[in-house]
Protein backbone atom coordinates (compact mmCIF):
# COMPACT_ATOMS: atom_id res chain seq x y z
CA MET A 1 74.03 -1.95 -12.28
CA ARG A 2 70.91 0.12 -12.85
CA VAL A 3 69.05 0.96 -9.65
CA GLU A 4 65.77 -0.32 -11.11
CA SER A 5 67.28 -3.79 -11.49
CA ARG A 6 67.69 -3.95 -7.69
CA ILE A 7 63.90 -3.91 -7.24
CA PRO A 8 62.59 -7.49 -7.15
CA THR A 9 59.32 -7.21 -9.06
CA MET A 10 56.86 -10.07 -9.15
CA ASP A 11 54.39 -9.61 -11.98
CA ARG A 12 51.25 -11.54 -11.10
CA THR A 13 49.25 -10.33 -14.07
CA ASN A 14 48.01 -12.89 -16.53
CA PRO A 15 46.76 -11.85 -19.96
CA SER A 16 44.43 -14.86 -20.05
CA THR A 17 42.65 -13.84 -16.81
CA PRO A 18 38.89 -13.82 -17.46
CA GLY A 19 37.11 -10.50 -17.16
CA LYS A 20 38.17 -6.99 -18.04
CA THR A 21 41.50 -5.96 -16.51
CA THR A 22 41.97 -2.33 -17.51
CA MET A 23 43.34 -1.12 -14.17
CA HIS A 24 46.63 -2.16 -12.63
CA LEU A 25 47.71 -2.45 -8.99
CA ARG A 26 51.20 -2.37 -7.48
CA LEU A 27 51.93 -3.52 -3.94
CA VAL A 28 55.25 -2.29 -2.49
CA THR A 29 56.54 -3.24 0.97
CA PHE A 30 59.86 -2.75 2.72
CA ASP A 31 61.34 -2.96 6.20
CA LEU A 32 62.87 0.14 7.73
CA ASP A 33 66.56 -0.31 8.46
CA GLY A 34 68.48 2.15 10.63
CA ILE A 35 65.58 4.57 11.05
CA ASP A 36 62.08 4.42 12.49
CA ALA A 37 58.76 5.48 10.97
CA GLU A 38 58.94 8.91 12.61
CA GLN A 39 62.34 9.54 11.04
CA ASN A 40 61.04 8.34 7.68
CA ARG A 41 57.95 10.57 7.81
CA PRO A 42 59.49 13.81 6.43
CA ALA A 43 60.80 11.99 3.36
CA ALA A 44 57.41 10.34 2.83
CA GLU A 45 55.64 13.69 3.13
CA ALA A 46 58.02 15.19 0.57
CA MET A 47 57.39 12.30 -1.85
CA ALA A 48 53.58 12.29 -1.56
CA PRO A 49 52.90 15.18 -3.98
CA LYS A 50 55.43 13.75 -6.43
CA PHE A 51 53.62 10.41 -6.47
CA ALA A 52 50.31 12.27 -6.86
CA ALA A 53 51.64 13.86 -10.06
CA TRP A 54 52.27 10.51 -11.78
CA PRO A 55 50.20 10.30 -14.97
CA GLY A 56 47.64 7.54 -14.64
CA LEU A 57 47.92 7.10 -10.87
CA VAL A 58 44.39 6.88 -9.47
CA SER A 59 45.39 6.46 -5.85
CA LYS A 60 48.23 5.55 -3.53
CA LEU A 61 47.44 4.06 -0.14
CA TRP A 62 50.26 4.36 2.39
CA ILE A 63 50.46 1.21 4.52
CA ALA A 64 52.25 0.08 7.70
CA ASP A 65 52.19 -2.99 9.90
CA ASP A 66 51.29 -2.75 13.59
CA THR A 67 54.89 -2.05 14.60
CA PHE A 68 55.49 0.54 11.87
CA ARG A 69 58.68 -1.33 10.91
CA THR A 70 57.24 -2.64 7.61
CA LEU A 71 55.87 0.12 5.41
CA GLY A 72 54.81 0.44 1.82
CA GLY A 73 52.14 1.46 -0.59
CA VAL A 74 49.30 0.20 -2.71
CA TYR A 75 49.23 2.00 -6.04
CA LEU A 76 46.22 1.88 -8.33
CA PHE A 77 46.82 2.89 -11.95
CA THR A 78 44.40 3.52 -14.80
CA ASP A 79 46.17 0.85 -16.85
CA ARG A 80 49.32 -1.20 -17.13
CA ALA A 81 51.01 1.34 -19.41
CA ALA A 82 50.79 3.99 -16.66
CA ALA A 83 52.23 1.55 -14.13
CA ASP A 84 55.05 0.64 -16.49
CA ALA A 85 55.85 4.31 -17.14
CA SER A 86 56.01 5.04 -13.39
CA ARG A 87 58.91 2.60 -13.04
CA ARG A 88 61.09 5.05 -14.95
CA SER A 89 60.30 7.94 -12.59
CA ASP A 90 62.78 9.49 -10.20
CA GLU A 91 60.47 8.62 -7.29
CA TYR A 92 60.35 4.92 -8.14
CA LEU A 93 64.12 4.78 -8.54
CA ALA A 94 64.61 6.68 -5.27
CA VAL A 95 62.71 3.96 -3.41
CA ALA A 96 65.10 1.36 -4.82
CA ALA A 97 68.15 3.42 -3.91
CA ASN A 98 67.06 4.26 -0.34
CA PRO A 99 69.56 2.58 2.02
CA HIS A 100 66.95 2.53 4.80
CA PHE A 101 64.53 0.32 2.83
CA ALA A 102 65.48 -3.32 3.38
CA ASN A 103 63.71 -6.36 1.92
CA LEU A 104 62.03 -4.27 -0.74
CA ARG A 105 59.25 -6.20 -2.47
CA VAL A 106 57.21 -5.09 -5.47
CA GLU A 107 54.26 -7.08 -6.79
CA GLU A 108 52.14 -6.18 -9.81
CA PHE A 109 48.52 -7.26 -10.32
CA ALA A 110 45.79 -6.80 -12.89
CA VAL A 111 42.57 -5.43 -11.36
CA LEU A 112 39.45 -7.40 -12.27
CA ASP A 113 37.30 -4.40 -13.13
CA ASP A 114 33.99 -6.24 -13.48
CA LEU A 115 34.18 -7.89 -10.04
CA THR A 116 35.57 -4.74 -8.40
CA ALA A 117 32.60 -2.77 -9.74
CA VAL A 118 30.23 -5.26 -8.06
CA THR A 119 31.86 -5.18 -4.62
CA GLY A 120 31.73 -1.40 -4.33
CA GLY A 121 34.01 0.79 -2.30
CA PRO A 122 35.53 4.14 -3.22
CA LEU A 123 37.24 2.77 -6.32
CA ALA A 124 34.27 0.89 -7.80
CA GLU A 125 33.20 3.75 -10.05
CA THR A 126 36.74 4.15 -11.38
CA ALA A 127 37.08 0.39 -11.93
CA GLY A 128 33.79 0.28 -13.84
CA ARG A 129 34.93 2.86 -16.41
CA SER A 130 35.61 1.66 -19.89
């Protein structure tokens, strides 16, 4: 079995969604199993520059719940093609293969560029690009 097939991906994009949807967002969450967040930190620090090198990745936000037992990331890509290409990367496959990441969940979303540009924030300028 290919490692990628072990990642349950829920694609919530809809090509008929009104408005421009150039950008793409991925939400990844997992529960730590057998290690704590402090023990996971060195691996995360080593992966950060590798994620940053992904073509088409605008930003990755590292997330954790209040207990630091559920961790993950919010990835913003320039477009769906960049998000799709990232799934073939060593980094993406390493997440799937990590024995300390239980209940791995991956959800994919189209970003509604026009509405995102209206609501502002640090990514509004990027979302408003054509």
